[in-house]
């Protein structure tokens, strides 16, 4: 990650690489978006009625689902695939 943007832009100017700046900015934006997706999020049935009951968390890209919806889907799959 770039810590000093002024020095970075000065380096690009000095080396004649200013054309790289849009690509670098695009990559920094996508990095920020990826980091936002990997942050801890907890969702409850009160916040999202589609979950029916319980909660689910997303941490480091791993979804832990303890909702009534997932339990109902598991029961349905057992019944229909017997």
PDB file of N, CA and C in Angstrom:
ATOM      1  N   UNK A   1       0.837  -1.178   0.000  1.00  0.00           N
ATOM      2  CA  UNK A   1       0.000   0.000   0.000  1.00  0.00           C
ATOM      3  C   UNK A   1       0.880   1.239   0.000  1.00  0.00           C
ATOM      4  N   UNK A   2       0.424   2.247  -0.665  1.00  0.00           N
ATOM      5  CA  UNK A   2       1.177   3.494  -0.779  1.00  0.00           C
ATOM      6  C   UNK A   2       0.926   4.326   0.468  1.00  0.00           C
ATOM      7  N   UNK A   3       2.013   4.729   1.136  1.00  0.00           N
ATOM      8  CA  UNK A   3       1.845   5.509   2.364  1.00  0.00           C
ATOM      9  C   UNK A   3       1.972   7.005   2.112  1.00  0.00           C
ATOM     10  N   UNK A   4       2.752   7.405   1.127  1.00  0.00           N
ATOM     11  CA  UNK A   4       2.952   8.820   0.836  1.00  0.00           C
ATOM     12  C   UNK A   4       2.629   9.058  -0.640  1.00  0.00           C
ATOM     13  N   UNK A   5       1.411   9.542  -0.903  1.00  0.00           N
ATOM     14  CA  UNK A   5       0.968   9.716  -2.284  1.00  0.00           C
ATOM     15  C   UNK A   5       1.751  10.798  -3.011  1.00  0.00           C
ATOM     16  N   UNK A   6       2.122  11.864  -2.295  1.00  0.00           N
ATOM     17  CA  UNK A   6       2.904  12.930  -2.920  1.00  0.00           C
ATOM     18  C   UNK A   6       4.233  12.418  -3.444  1.00  0.00           C
ATOM     19  N   UNK A   7       4.921  11.637  -2.636  1.00  0.00           N
ATOM     20  CA  UNK A   7       6.208  11.064  -3.052  1.00  0.00           C
ATOM     21  C   UNK A   7       6.019  10.078  -4.196  1.00  0.00           C
ATOM     22  N   UNK A   8       4.913   9.335  -4.161  1.00  0.00           N
ATOM     23  CA  UNK A   8       4.639   8.374  -5.224  1.00  0.00           C
ATOM     24  C   UNK A   8       4.422   9.087  -6.550  1.00  0.00           C
ATOM     25  N   UNK A   9       3.611  10.153  -6.552  1.00  0.00           N
ATOM     26  CA  UNK A   9       3.351  10.902  -7.781  1.00  0.00           C
ATOM     27  C   UNK A   9       4.627  11.580  -8.260  1.00  0.00           C
ATOM     28  N   UNK A  10       5.438  12.096  -7.339  1.00  0.00           N
ATOM     29  CA  UNK A  10       6.715  12.707  -7.716  1.00  0.00           C
ATOM     30  C   UNK A  10       7.624  11.667  -8.370  1.00  0.00           C
ATOM     31  N   UNK A  11       7.615  10.454  -7.851  1.00  0.00           N
ATOM     32  CA  UNK A  11       8.423   9.378  -8.439  1.00  0.00           C
ATOM     33  C   UNK A  11       7.935   9.056  -9.851  1.00  0.00           C
ATOM     34  N   UNK A  12       6.612   8.982 -10.033  1.00  0.00           N
ATOM     35  CA  UNK A  12       6.082   8.708 -11.367  1.00  0.00           C
ATOM     36  C   UNK A  12       6.481   9.813 -12.349  1.00  0.00           C
ATOM     37  N   UNK A  13       6.412  11.065 -11.922  1.00  0.00           N
ATOM     38  CA  UNK A  13       6.805  12.180 -12.794  1.00  0.00           C
ATOM     39  C   UNK A  13       8.293  12.110 -13.130  1.00  0.00           C
ATOM     40  N   UNK A  14       9.095  11.828 -12.111  1.00  0.00           N
ATOM     41  CA  UNK A  14      10.546  11.787 -12.285  1.00  0.00           C
ATOM     42  C   UNK A  14      10.962  10.679 -13.249  1.00  0.00           C
ATOM     43  N   UNK A  15      10.281   9.553 -13.195  1.00  0.00           N
ATOM     44  CA  UNK A  15      10.653   8.421 -14.045  1.00  0.00           C
ATOM     45  C   UNK A  15       9.881   8.395 -15.363  1.00  0.00           C
ATOM     46  N   UNK A  16       8.997   9.377 -15.578  1.00  0.00           N
ATOM     47  CA  UNK A  16       8.243   9.431 -16.829  1.00  0.00           C
ATOM     48  C   UNK A  16       7.162   8.380 -16.929  1.00  0.00           C
ATOM     49  N   UNK A  17       6.570   8.031 -15.824  1.00  0.00           N
ATOM     50  CA  UNK A  17       5.557   6.971 -15.803  1.00  0.00           C
ATOM     51  C   UNK A  17       4.177   7.461 -15.377  1.00  0.00           C
ATOM     52  N   UNK A  18       3.846   8.696 -15.668  1.00  0.00           N
ATOM     53  CA  UNK A  18       2.549   9.247 -15.254  1.00  0.00           C
ATOM     54  C   UNK A  18       1.372   8.533 -15.911  1.00  0.00           C
ATOM     55  N   UNK A  19       1.605   7.876 -17.043  1.00  0.00           N
ATOM     56  CA  UNK A  19       0.519   7.134 -17.692  1.00  0.00           C
ATOM     57  C   UNK A  19       0.049   5.962 -16.846  1.00  0.00           C
ATOM     58  N   UNK A  20       0.867   5.528 -15.894  1.00  0.00           N
ATOM     59  CA  UNK A  20       0.487   4.418 -15.020  1.00  0.00           C
ATOM     60  C   UNK A  20      -0.492   4.843 -13.928  1.00  0.00           C
ATOM     61  N   UNK A  21      -0.603   6.132 -13.676  1.00  0.00           N
ATOM     62  CA  UNK A  21      -1.415   6.612 -12.552  1.00  0.00           C
ATOM     63  C   UNK A  21      -2.873   6.143 -12.603  1.00  0.00           C
ATOM     64  N   UNK A  22      -3.593   6.205 -13.739  1.00  0.00           N
ATOM     65  CA  UNK A  22      -4.975   5.712 -13.749  1.00  0.00           C
ATOM     66  C   UNK A  22      -5.083   4.228 -13.393  1.00  0.00           C
ATOM     67  N   UNK A  23      -4.129   3.422 -13.855  1.00  0.00           N
ATOM     68  CA  UNK A  23      -4.154   1.994 -13.534  1.00  0.00           C
ATOM     69  C   UNK A  23      -3.900   1.762 -12.057  1.00  0.00           C
ATOM     70  N   UNK A  24      -2.982   2.524 -11.487  1.00  0.00           N
ATOM     71  CA  UNK A  24      -2.675   2.385 -10.056  1.00  0.00           C
ATOM     72  C   UNK A  24      -3.881   2.786  -9.229  1.00  0.00           C
ATOM     73  N   UNK A  25      -4.530   3.888  -9.602  1.00  0.00           N
ATOM     74  CA  UNK A  25      -5.714   4.329  -8.867  1.00  0.00           C
ATOM     75  C   UNK A  25      -6.843   3.312  -8.958  1.00  0.00           C
ATOM     76  N   UNK A  26      -7.018   2.699 -10.124  1.00  0.00           N
ATOM     77  CA  UNK A  26      -8.042   1.671 -10.300  1.00  0.00           C
ATOM     78  C   UNK A  26      -7.746   0.459  -9.403  1.00  0.00           C
ATOM     79  N   UNK A  27      -6.482   0.075  -9.333  1.00  0.00           N
ATOM     80  CA  UNK A  27      -6.085  -1.059  -8.486  1.00  0.00           C
ATOM     81  C   UNK A  27      -6.277  -0.737  -7.005  1.00  0.00           C
ATOM     82  N   UNK A  28      -5.946   0.480  -6.596  1.00  0.00           N
ATOM     83  CA  UNK A  28      -6.154   0.875  -5.197  1.00  0.00           C
ATOM     84  C   UNK A  28      -7.636   0.848  -4.837  1.00  0.00           C
ATOM     85  N   UNK A  29      -8.483   1.282  -5.769  1.00  0.00           N
ATOM     86  CA  UNK A  29      -9.932   1.265  -5.523  1.00  0.00           C
ATOM     87  C   UNK A  29     -10.430  -0.175  -5.373  1.00  0.00           C
ATOM     88  N   UNK A  30      -9.972  -1.074  -6.245  1.00  0.00           N
ATOM     89  CA  UNK A  30     -10.420  -2.466  -6.149  1.00  0.00           C
ATOM     90  C   UNK A  30      -9.897  -3.130  -4.877  1.00  0.00           C
ATOM     91  N   UNK A  31      -8.693  -2.753  -4.433  1.00  0.00           N
ATOM     92  CA  UNK A  31      -8.167  -3.272  -3.158  1.00  0.00           C
ATOM     93  C   UNK A  31      -9.037  -2.846  -1.995  1.00  0.00           C
ATOM     94  N   UNK A  32      -9.463  -1.593  -2.005  1.00  0.00           N
ATOM     95  CA  UNK A  32     -10.317  -1.077  -0.934  1.00  0.00           C
ATOM     96  C   UNK A  32     -11.658  -1.816  -0.922  1.00  0.00           C
ATOM     97  N   UNK A  33     -12.212  -2.090  -2.106  1.00  0.00           N
ATOM     98  CA  UNK A  33     -13.471  -2.822  -2.201  1.00  0.00           C
ATOM     99  C   UNK A  33     -13.320  -4.254  -1.689  1.00  0.00           C
ATOM    100  N   UNK A  34     -12.204  -4.907  -2.041  1.00  0.00           N
ATOM    101  CA  UNK A  34     -11.956  -6.268  -1.556  1.00  0.00           C
ATOM    102  C   UNK A  34     -11.824  -6.296  -0.039  1.00  0.00           C
ATOM    103  N   UNK A  35     -11.148  -5.309   0.522  1.00  0.00           N
ATOM    104  CA  UNK A  35     -10.989  -5.238   1.976  1.00  0.00           C
ATOM    105  C   UNK A  35     -12.341  -5.034   2.645  1.00  0.00           C
ATOM    106  N   UNK A  36     -13.228  -4.264   2.022  1.00  0.00           N
ATOM    107  CA  UNK A  36     -14.568  -4.066   2.574  1.00  0.00           C
ATOM    108  C   UNK A  36     -15.391  -5.335   2.571  1.00  0.00           C
ATOM    109  N   UNK A  37     -15.178  -6.183   1.578  1.00  0.00           N
ATOM    110  CA  UNK A  37     -15.918  -7.440   1.517  1.00  0.00           C
ATOM    111  C   UNK A  37     -15.447  -8.440   2.568  1.00  0.00           C
ATOM    112  N   UNK A  38     -14.204  -8.320   2.997  1.00  0.00           N
ATOM    113  CA  UNK A  38     -13.655  -9.274   3.951  1.00  0.00           C
ATOM    114  C   UNK A  38     -13.809  -8.830   5.402  1.00  0.00           C
ATOM    115  N   UNK A  39     -14.415  -7.677   5.632  1.00  0.00           N
ATOM    116  CA  UNK A  39     -14.610  -7.232   7.012  1.00  0.00           C
ATOM    117  C   UNK A  39     -15.720  -8.051   7.662  1.00  0.00           C
ATOM    118  N   UNK A  40     -15.703  -8.089   8.970  1.00  0.00           N
ATOM    119  CA  UNK A  40     -16.694  -8.850   9.728  1.00  0.00           C
ATOM    120  C   UNK A  40     -18.061  -8.204   9.575  1.00  0.00           C
ATOM    121  N   UNK A  41     -19.041  -9.007   9.189  1.00  0.00           N
ATOM    122  CA  UNK A  41     -20.428  -8.545   9.108  1.00  0.00           C
ATOM    123  C   UNK A  41     -21.308  -9.566   9.789  1.00  0.00           C
ATOM    124  N   UNK A  42     -22.222  -9.102  10.617  1.00  0.00           N
ATOM    125  CA  UNK A  42     -23.181  -9.984  11.258  1.00  0.00           C
ATOM    126  C   UNK A  42     -24.576  -9.502  10.894  1.00  0.00           C
ATOM    127  N   UNK A  43     -25.414 -10.443  10.489  1.00  0.00           N
ATOM    128  CA  UNK A  43     -26.759 -10.135  10.050  1.00  0.00           C
ATOM    129  C   UNK A  43     -27.733 -10.973  10.871  1.00  0.00           C
ATOM    130  N   UNK A  44     -28.752 -10.348  11.427  1.00  0.00           N
ATOM    131  CA  UNK A  44     -29.738 -11.065  12.228  1.00  0.00           C
ATOM    132  C   UNK A  44     -31.085 -11.056  11.525  1.00  0.00           C
ATOM    133  N   UNK A  45     -31.992 -11.891  12.022  1.00  0.00           N
ATOM    134  CA  UNK A  45     -33.333 -11.973  11.449  1.00  0.00           C
ATOM    135  C   UNK A  45     -34.101 -10.669  11.662  1.00  0.00           C
ATOM    136  N   UNK A  46     -33.776  -9.930  12.714  1.00  0.00           N
ATOM    137  CA  UNK A  46     -34.431  -8.639  12.934  1.00  0.00           C
ATOM    138  C   UNK A  46     -34.072  -7.653  11.828  1.00  0.00           C
ATOM    139  N   UNK A  47     -32.821  -7.681  11.367  1.00  0.00           N
ATOM    140  CA  UNK A  47     -32.369  -6.789  10.301  1.00  0.00           C
ATOM    141  C   UNK A  47     -32.831  -7.260   8.932  1.00  0.00           C
ATOM    142  N   UNK A  48     -32.887  -8.579   8.727  1.00  0.00           N
ATOM    143  CA  UNK A  48     -33.237  -9.149   7.433  1.00  0.00           C
ATOM    144  C   UNK A  48     -34.296 -10.231   7.640  1.00  0.00           C
ATOM    145  N   UNK A  49     -35.571  -9.904   7.481  1.00  0.00           N
ATOM    146  CA  UNK A  49     -36.646 -10.881   7.720  1.00  0.00           C
ATOM    147  C   UNK A  49     -36.565 -12.116   6.823  1.00  0.00           C
ATOM    148  N   UNK A  50     -35.835 -12.058   5.715  1.00  0.00           N
ATOM    149  CA  UNK A  50     -35.709 -13.216   4.825  1.00  0.00           C
ATOM    150  C   UNK A  50     -34.965 -14.362   5.494  1.00  0.00           C
ATOM    151  N   UNK A  51     -34.237 -14.084   6.580  1.00  0.00           N
ATOM    152  CA  UNK A  51     -33.496 -15.142   7.272  1.00  0.00           C
ATOM    153  C   UNK A  51     -34.409 -15.999   8.142  1.00  0.00           C
ATOM    154  N   UNK A  52     -35.624 -15.580   8.382  1.00  0.00           N
ATOM    155  CA  UNK A  52     -36.657 -16.234   9.182  1.00  0.00           C
ATOM    156  C   UNK A  52     -36.311 -16.173  10.667  1.00  0.00           C
ATOM    157  N   UNK A  53     -35.205 -16.759  11.083  1.00  0.00           N
ATOM    158  CA  UNK A  53     -34.770 -16.677  12.482  1.00  0.00           C
ATOM    159  C   UNK A  53     -33.270 -16.906  12.533  1.00  0.00           C
ATOM    160  N   UNK A  54     -32.629 -16.511  13.627  1.00  0.00           N
ATOM    161  CA  UNK A  54     -31.204 -16.770  13.811  1.00  0.00           C
ATOM    162  C   UNK A  54     -30.329 -15.648  13.288  1.00  0.00           C
ATOM    163  N   UNK A  55     -29.097 -16.022  12.897  1.00  0.00           N
ATOM    164  CA  UNK A  55     -28.098 -15.048  12.462  1.00  0.00           C
ATOM    165  C   UNK A  55     -27.120 -15.698  11.495  1.00  0.00           C
ATOM    166  N   UNK A  56     -26.366 -14.855  10.813  1.00  0.00           N
ATOM    167  CA  UNK A  56     -25.265 -15.333   9.981  1.00  0.00           C
ATOM    168  C   UNK A  56     -24.178 -14.275   9.975  1.00  0.00           C
ATOM    169  N   UNK A  57     -22.927 -14.741   9.901  1.00  0.00           N
ATOM    170  CA  UNK A  57     -21.784 -13.835   9.878  1.00  0.00           C
ATOM    171  C   UNK A  57     -20.935 -14.125   8.647  1.00  0.00           C
ATOM    172  N   UNK A  58     -20.257 -13.097   8.196  1.00  0.00           N
ATOM    173  CA  UNK A  58     -19.292 -13.220   7.114  1.00  0.00           C
ATOM    174  C   UNK A  58     -17.992 -12.647   7.631  1.00  0.00           C
ATOM    175  N   UNK A  59     -16.992 -13.528   7.798  1.00  0.00           N
ATOM    176  CA  UNK A  59     -15.710 -13.110   8.340  1.00  0.00           C
ATOM    177  C   UNK A  59     -14.604 -13.738   7.514  1.00  0.00           C
ATOM    178  N   UNK A  60     -13.713 -12.916   6.998  1.00  0.00           N
ATOM    179  CA  UNK A  60     -12.601 -13.363   6.157  1.00  0.00           C
ATOM    180  C   UNK A  60     -13.077 -14.205   4.976  1.00  0.00           C
ATOM    181  N   UNK A  61     -14.216 -13.826   4.405  1.00  0.00           N
ATOM    182  CA  UNK A  61     -14.744 -14.527   3.244  1.00  0.00           C
ATOM    183  C   UNK A  61     -15.440 -15.835   3.564  1.00  0.00           C
ATOM    184  N   UNK A  62     -15.632 -16.167   4.844  1.00  0.00           N
ATOM    185  CA  UNK A  62     -16.282 -17.415   5.246  1.00  0.00           C
ATOM    186  C   UNK A  62     -17.646 -17.085   5.844  1.00  0.00           C
ATOM    187  N   UNK A  63     -18.693 -17.685   5.293  1.00  0.00           N
ATOM    188  CA  UNK A  63     -20.044 -17.462   5.770  1.00  0.00           C
ATOM    189  C   UNK A  63     -20.412 -18.534   6.788  1.00  0.00           C
ATOM    190  N   UNK A  64     -20.808 -18.096   7.985  1.00  0.00           N
ATOM    191  CA  UNK A  64     -21.318 -19.000   9.011  1.00  0.00           C
ATOM    192  C   UNK A  64     -22.806 -18.714   9.140  1.00  0.00           C
ATOM    193  N   UNK A  65     -23.619 -19.713   8.842  1.00  0.00           N
ATOM    194  CA  UNK A  65     -25.063 -19.516   8.746  1.00  0.00           C
ATOM    195  C   UNK A  65     -25.784 -20.334   9.816  1.00  0.00           C
ATOM    196  N   UNK A  66     -26.434 -19.642  10.746  1.00  0.00           N
ATOM    197  CA  UNK A  66     -27.245 -20.274  11.780  1.00  0.00           C
ATOM    198  C   UNK A  66     -28.641 -19.672  11.740  1.00  0.00           C
ATOM    199  N   UNK A  67     -29.290 -19.810  10.594  1.00  0.00           N
ATOM    200  CA  UNK A  67     -30.605 -19.211  10.417  1.00  0.00           C
ATOM    201  C   UNK A  67     -31.665 -20.278  10.258  1.00  0.00           C
ATOM    202  N   UNK A  68     -32.894 -19.873  10.475  1.00  0.00           N
ATOM    203  CA  UNK A  68     -34.016 -20.769  10.255  1.00  0.00           C
ATOM    204  C   UNK A  68     -34.165 -21.105   8.789  1.00  0.00           C
ATOM    205  N   UNK A  69     -33.788 -20.173   7.933  1.00  0.00           N
ATOM    206  CA  UNK A  69     -33.880 -20.404   6.496  1.00  0.00           C
ATOM    207  C   UNK A  69     -32.978 -21.555   6.071  1.00  0.00           C
ATOM    208  N   UNK A  70     -31.749 -21.577   6.573  1.00  0.00           N
ATOM    209  CA  UNK A  70     -30.838 -22.660   6.194  1.00  0.00           C
ATOM    210  C   UNK A  70     -31.324 -24.000   6.741  1.00  0.00           C
ATOM    211  N   UNK A  71     -31.914 -23.975   7.940  1.00  0.00           N
ATOM    212  CA  UNK A  71     -32.450 -25.215   8.511  1.00  0.00           C
ATOM    213  C   UNK A  71     -33.619 -25.732   7.679  1.00  0.00           C
ATOM    214  N   UNK A  72     -34.500 -24.835   7.239  1.00  0.00           N
ATOM    215  CA  UNK A  72     -35.627 -25.254   6.405  1.00  0.00           C
ATOM    216  C   UNK A  72     -35.164 -25.796   5.062  1.00  0.00           C
ATOM    217  N   UNK A  73     -34.153 -25.194   4.480  1.00  0.00           N
ATOM    218  CA  UNK A  73     -33.623 -25.668   3.203  1.00  0.00           C
ATOM    219  C   UNK A  73     -32.997 -27.048   3.379  1.00  0.00           C
ATOM    220  N   UNK A  74     -32.294 -27.262   4.481  1.00  0.00           N
ATOM    221  CA  UNK A  74     -31.678 -28.577   4.748  1.00  0.00           C
ATOM    222  C   UNK A  74     -32.755 -29.649   4.909  1.00  0.00           C
ATOM    223  N   UNK A  75     -33.832 -29.337   5.609  1.00  0.00           N
ATOM    224  CA  UNK A  75     -34.945 -30.292   5.770  1.00  0.00           C
ATOM    225  C   UNK A  75     -35.575 -30.598   4.405  1.00  0.00           C
ATOM    226  N   UNK A  76     -35.802 -29.583   3.610  1.00  0.00           N
ATOM    227  CA  UNK A  76     -36.388 -29.761   2.289  1.00  0.00           C
ATOM    228  C   UNK A  76     -35.515 -30.658   1.419  1.00  0.00           C
ATOM    229  N   UNK A  77     -34.191 -30.441   1.458  1.00  0.00           N
ATOM    230  CA  UNK A  77     -33.289 -31.267   0.657  1.00  0.00           C
ATOM    231  C   UNK A  77     -33.321 -32.725   1.102  1.00  0.00           C
ATOM    232  N   UNK A  78     -33.402 -32.970   2.417  1.00  0.00           N
ATOM    233  CA  UNK A  78     -33.478 -34.346   2.918  1.00  0.00           C
ATOM    234  C   UNK A  78     -34.753 -35.020   2.452  1.00  0.00           C
ATOM    235  N   UNK A  79     -35.840 -34.300   2.471  1.00  0.00           N
ATOM    236  CA  UNK A  79     -37.133 -34.874   2.090  1.00  0.00           C
ATOM    237  C   UNK A  79     -37.178 -35.169   0.589  1.00  0.00           C
ATOM    238  N   UNK A  80     -36.702 -34.266  -0.226  1.00  0.00           N
ATOM    239  CA  UNK A  80     -36.829 -34.421  -1.668  1.00  0.00           C
ATOM    240  C   UNK A  80     -35.763 -35.329  -2.289  1.00  0.00           C
ATOM    241  N   UNK A  81     -34.676 -35.572  -1.604  1.00  0.00           N
ATOM    242  CA  UNK A  81     -33.614 -36.404  -2.182  1.00  0.00           C
ATOM    243  C   UNK A  81     -33.522 -37.781  -1.533  1.00  0.00           C
ATOM    244  N   UNK A  82     -34.608 -38.250  -0.995  1.00  0.00           N
ATOM    245  CA  UNK A  82     -34.594 -39.585  -0.349  1.00  0.00           C
ATOM    246  C   UNK A  82     -34.984 -40.646  -1.342  1.00  0.00           C
TER     247      UNK A  82
END
